[in-house]
Amino acid sequence: MASLTTLIAEARALANDHPCTTVGHEWVTEGGRSCPRATDLDDGCGGSQAVYRCTRCGGYDYGEPGGPGHADCATRYGCGGKLGLF
């Protein structure tokens, strides 16, 4: 079940009133995941990547370019983030 914060964020987005438009996201870590490049076909770094959630809008960052998860990979491990693999 979606939290009240998530439902409010979705309603605001539909109304074109996103809370992070003017002040930006307020990211906090919320768990992690394996290196997204670590598959049988890739030679990923084998590290882990933090998953971030915005406390204002409830949005998640799973390593998209420009977000904090992507920056983590590029600075900590130097594999996918710097090579533009994801």
N, C-alpha and C. Protein backbone atom coordinates (compact mmCIF):
# COMPACT_ATOMS: atom_id res chain seq x y z
N MET A 1 0.84 -1.17 0.00
CA MET A 1 0.00 0.00 0.00
C MET A 1 0.89 1.24 0.00
N ALA A 2 0.55 2.19 -0.83
CA ALA A 2 1.33 3.43 -0.94
C ALA A 2 1.16 4.28 0.31
N SER A 3 2.26 4.94 0.69
CA SER A 3 2.19 5.81 1.85
C SER A 3 1.46 7.10 1.47
N LEU A 4 1.01 7.80 2.48
CA LEU A 4 0.32 9.06 2.25
C LEU A 4 1.23 10.06 1.53
N THR A 5 2.51 10.08 1.89
CA THR A 5 3.46 10.98 1.25
C THR A 5 3.56 10.68 -0.25
N THR A 6 3.59 9.40 -0.59
CA THR A 6 3.68 9.00 -1.99
C THR A 6 2.43 9.40 -2.75
N LEU A 7 1.27 9.19 -2.16
CA LEU A 7 0.01 9.56 -2.81
C LEU A 7 -0.08 11.07 -3.02
N ILE A 8 0.35 11.84 -2.04
CA ILE A 8 0.34 13.29 -2.17
C ILE A 8 1.30 13.72 -3.28
N ALA A 9 2.48 13.11 -3.32
CA ALA A 9 3.46 13.45 -4.35
C ALA A 9 2.92 13.14 -5.74
N GLU A 10 2.25 12.00 -5.89
CA GLU A 10 1.67 11.64 -7.18
C GLU A 10 0.57 12.62 -7.58
N ALA A 11 -0.25 13.03 -6.63
CA ALA A 11 -1.31 14.00 -6.93
C ALA A 11 -0.72 15.35 -7.33
N ARG A 12 0.33 15.77 -6.64
CA ARG A 12 0.96 17.04 -6.98
C ARG A 12 1.61 16.99 -8.36
N ALA A 13 2.20 15.84 -8.69
CA ALA A 13 2.81 15.69 -10.01
C ALA A 13 1.76 15.77 -11.11
N LEU A 14 0.61 15.14 -10.86
CA LEU A 14 -0.48 15.21 -11.84
C LEU A 14 -1.00 16.64 -12.00
N ALA A 15 -0.93 17.42 -10.94
CA ALA A 15 -1.39 18.80 -10.98
C ALA A 15 -0.28 19.75 -11.45
N ASN A 16 0.85 19.17 -11.86
CA ASN A 16 2.01 19.95 -12.31
C ASN A 16 2.52 20.87 -11.20
N ASP A 17 2.48 20.36 -9.96
CA ASP A 17 2.94 21.11 -8.79
C ASP A 17 3.91 20.23 -8.01
N HIS A 18 5.03 19.91 -8.63
CA HIS A 18 5.99 19.00 -8.01
C HIS A 18 6.77 19.72 -6.92
N PRO A 19 6.85 19.14 -5.72
CA PRO A 19 7.50 19.82 -4.60
C PRO A 19 9.00 20.03 -4.76
N CYS A 20 9.64 19.32 -5.66
CA CYS A 20 11.09 19.43 -5.81
C CYS A 20 11.50 20.29 -7.00
N THR A 21 10.54 20.89 -7.69
CA THR A 21 10.85 21.69 -8.86
C THR A 21 11.75 22.87 -8.53
N THR A 22 11.45 23.57 -7.46
CA THR A 22 12.21 24.78 -7.16
C THR A 22 13.37 24.56 -6.20
N VAL A 23 13.25 23.62 -5.27
CA VAL A 23 14.30 23.44 -4.26
C VAL A 23 15.13 22.18 -4.46
N GLY A 24 14.74 21.33 -5.37
CA GLY A 24 15.48 20.09 -5.62
C GLY A 24 15.09 18.98 -4.67
N HIS A 25 15.59 17.80 -4.97
CA HIS A 25 15.30 16.62 -4.15
C HIS A 25 16.11 16.65 -2.86
N GLU A 26 15.57 16.02 -1.85
CA GLU A 26 16.28 15.83 -0.58
C GLU A 26 16.49 14.33 -0.41
N TRP A 27 17.63 13.84 -0.89
CA TRP A 27 17.88 12.40 -0.95
C TRP A 27 18.35 11.83 0.37
N VAL A 28 17.83 10.67 0.72
CA VAL A 28 18.32 9.86 1.84
C VAL A 28 18.48 8.44 1.31
N THR A 29 19.44 7.71 1.86
CA THR A 29 19.62 6.33 1.41
C THR A 29 18.53 5.45 1.98
N GLU A 30 18.11 4.51 1.17
CA GLU A 30 17.08 3.57 1.60
C GLU A 30 17.41 2.20 1.02
N GLY A 31 18.42 1.59 1.58
CA GLY A 31 18.82 0.28 1.10
C GLY A 31 19.85 0.35 -0.01
N GLY A 32 19.97 -0.74 -0.73
CA GLY A 32 20.95 -0.81 -1.80
C GLY A 32 20.63 -1.93 -2.76
N ARG A 33 21.47 -2.07 -3.75
CA ARG A 33 21.32 -3.13 -4.73
C ARG A 33 22.69 -3.51 -5.25
N SER A 34 22.77 -4.64 -5.91
CA SER A 34 24.03 -5.07 -6.50
C SER A 34 24.39 -4.17 -7.67
N CYS A 35 25.63 -4.18 -8.04
CA CYS A 35 26.08 -3.42 -9.19
C CYS A 35 25.21 -3.78 -10.40
N PRO A 36 24.60 -2.77 -11.04
CA PRO A 36 23.71 -3.07 -12.16
C PRO A 36 24.43 -3.63 -13.38
N ARG A 37 25.75 -3.57 -13.40
CA ARG A 37 26.51 -4.09 -14.54
C ARG A 37 27.03 -5.49 -14.28
N ALA A 38 26.78 -6.04 -13.10
CA ALA A 38 27.32 -7.36 -12.75
C ALA A 38 26.40 -8.47 -13.27
N THR A 39 26.55 -8.79 -14.52
CA THR A 39 25.80 -9.90 -15.12
C THR A 39 26.79 -10.87 -15.74
N ASP A 40 26.29 -11.96 -16.27
CA ASP A 40 27.17 -12.94 -16.92
C ASP A 40 27.86 -12.35 -18.14
N LEU A 41 27.26 -11.33 -18.76
CA LEU A 41 27.82 -10.75 -19.97
C LEU A 41 28.75 -9.58 -19.69
N ASP A 42 28.69 -9.03 -18.49
CA ASP A 42 29.50 -7.86 -18.14
C ASP A 42 30.53 -8.24 -17.10
N ASP A 43 31.48 -7.39 -16.93
CA ASP A 43 32.42 -7.57 -15.83
C ASP A 43 32.27 -6.39 -14.88
N GLY A 44 31.09 -6.27 -14.30
CA GLY A 44 30.79 -5.17 -13.38
C GLY A 44 31.76 -5.16 -12.21
N CYS A 45 31.71 -4.12 -11.45
CA CYS A 45 32.67 -3.92 -10.37
C CYS A 45 32.46 -4.89 -9.21
N GLY A 46 31.28 -5.47 -9.13
CA GLY A 46 31.00 -6.38 -8.03
C GLY A 46 30.61 -5.67 -6.75
N GLY A 47 30.58 -4.36 -6.78
CA GLY A 47 30.22 -3.58 -5.60
C GLY A 47 28.72 -3.46 -5.45
N SER A 48 28.32 -2.62 -4.53
CA SER A 48 26.90 -2.37 -4.35
C SER A 48 26.63 -0.89 -4.57
N GLN A 49 25.40 -0.57 -4.86
CA GLN A 49 25.00 0.81 -5.15
C GLN A 49 23.85 1.16 -4.22
N ALA A 50 23.97 2.31 -3.58
CA ALA A 50 22.90 2.77 -2.69
C ALA A 50 21.67 3.14 -3.51
N VAL A 51 20.50 2.91 -2.94
CA VAL A 51 19.24 3.37 -3.52
C VAL A 51 18.80 4.55 -2.68
N TYR A 52 18.44 5.63 -3.34
CA TYR A 52 18.05 6.86 -2.65
C TYR A 52 16.57 7.13 -2.82
N ARG A 53 15.96 7.73 -1.77
CA ARG A 53 14.57 8.16 -1.81
C ARG A 53 14.51 9.63 -1.41
N CYS A 54 13.70 10.40 -2.13
CA CYS A 54 13.53 11.82 -1.81
C CYS A 54 12.50 11.95 -0.70
N THR A 55 12.87 12.64 0.37
CA THR A 55 11.94 12.81 1.50
C THR A 55 10.83 13.80 1.19
N ARG A 56 11.02 14.63 0.17
CA ARG A 56 9.98 15.60 -0.19
C ARG A 56 8.90 14.99 -1.07
N CYS A 57 9.32 14.29 -2.12
CA CYS A 57 8.33 13.82 -3.11
C CYS A 57 8.14 12.31 -3.11
N GLY A 58 9.01 11.57 -2.44
CA GLY A 58 8.89 10.12 -2.42
C GLY A 58 9.50 9.44 -3.62
N GLY A 59 10.13 10.20 -4.53
CA GLY A 59 10.76 9.61 -5.71
C GLY A 59 12.00 8.81 -5.35
N TYR A 60 12.37 7.88 -6.23
CA TYR A 60 13.54 7.03 -6.00
C TYR A 60 14.59 7.27 -7.07
N ASP A 61 15.85 7.09 -6.69
CA ASP A 61 16.97 7.12 -7.62
C ASP A 61 17.66 5.77 -7.55
N TYR A 62 17.69 5.08 -8.67
CA TYR A 62 18.34 3.78 -8.77
C TYR A 62 19.61 3.86 -9.60
N GLY A 63 20.24 5.02 -9.65
CA GLY A 63 21.49 5.15 -10.38
C GLY A 63 21.38 5.85 -11.72
N GLU A 64 20.28 6.56 -11.94
CA GLU A 64 20.13 7.28 -13.19
C GLU A 64 21.19 8.38 -13.29
N PRO A 65 21.72 8.65 -14.50
CA PRO A 65 22.71 9.72 -14.66
C PRO A 65 22.20 11.04 -14.09
N GLY A 66 23.07 11.69 -13.34
CA GLY A 66 22.73 12.96 -12.72
C GLY A 66 22.25 12.82 -11.28
N GLY A 67 21.94 11.62 -10.87
CA GLY A 67 21.45 11.39 -9.51
C GLY A 67 22.55 10.93 -8.58
N PRO A 68 22.23 10.85 -7.29
CA PRO A 68 23.25 10.48 -6.31
C PRO A 68 23.74 9.04 -6.44
N GLY A 69 22.89 8.12 -6.89
CA GLY A 69 23.32 6.73 -7.06
C GLY A 69 24.36 6.59 -8.16
N HIS A 70 24.18 7.33 -9.23
CA HIS A 70 25.13 7.32 -10.34
C HIS A 70 26.47 7.89 -9.88
N ALA A 71 26.41 8.97 -9.11
CA ALA A 71 27.63 9.59 -8.60
C ALA A 71 28.38 8.63 -7.68
N ASP A 72 27.64 7.87 -6.87
CA ASP A 72 28.28 6.89 -5.99
C ASP A 72 29.10 5.89 -6.79
N CYS A 73 28.50 5.34 -7.83
CA CYS A 73 29.21 4.34 -8.63
C CYS A 73 30.44 4.94 -9.30
N ALA A 74 30.29 6.13 -9.84
CA ALA A 74 31.41 6.76 -10.55
C ALA A 74 32.57 7.08 -9.62
N THR A 75 32.27 7.53 -8.41
CA THR A 75 33.34 7.93 -7.50
C THR A 75 33.89 6.77 -6.68
N ARG A 76 33.05 5.84 -6.30
CA ARG A 76 33.53 4.73 -5.47
C ARG A 76 34.19 3.62 -6.26
N TYR A 77 33.61 3.27 -7.40
CA TYR A 77 34.07 2.09 -8.12
C TYR A 77 34.65 2.42 -9.48
N GLY A 78 34.17 3.50 -10.11
CA GLY A 78 34.73 3.91 -11.38
C GLY A 78 34.41 3.03 -12.56
N CYS A 79 33.44 2.15 -12.43
CA CYS A 79 33.13 1.28 -13.58
C CYS A 79 32.02 1.89 -14.44
N GLY A 80 30.80 1.52 -14.19
CA GLY A 80 29.68 1.94 -15.04
C GLY A 80 29.46 3.42 -15.08
N GLY A 81 29.59 4.10 -13.97
CA GLY A 81 29.32 5.53 -13.95
C GLY A 81 30.23 6.31 -14.87
N LYS A 82 31.51 6.02 -14.86
CA LYS A 82 32.46 6.76 -15.69
C LYS A 82 32.40 6.32 -17.14
N LEU A 83 32.08 5.06 -17.36
CA LEU A 83 32.05 4.55 -18.73
C LEU A 83 30.72 4.78 -19.42
N GLY A 84 29.73 5.30 -18.68
CA GLY A 84 28.41 5.55 -19.27
C GLY A 84 27.67 4.28 -19.63
N LEU A 85 27.88 3.25 -18.84
CA LEU A 85 27.26 1.95 -19.14
C LEU A 85 25.81 1.87 -18.72
N PHE A 86 25.38 2.75 -17.83
CA PHE A 86 23.98 2.73 -17.38
C PHE A 86 23.52 4.12 -17.11
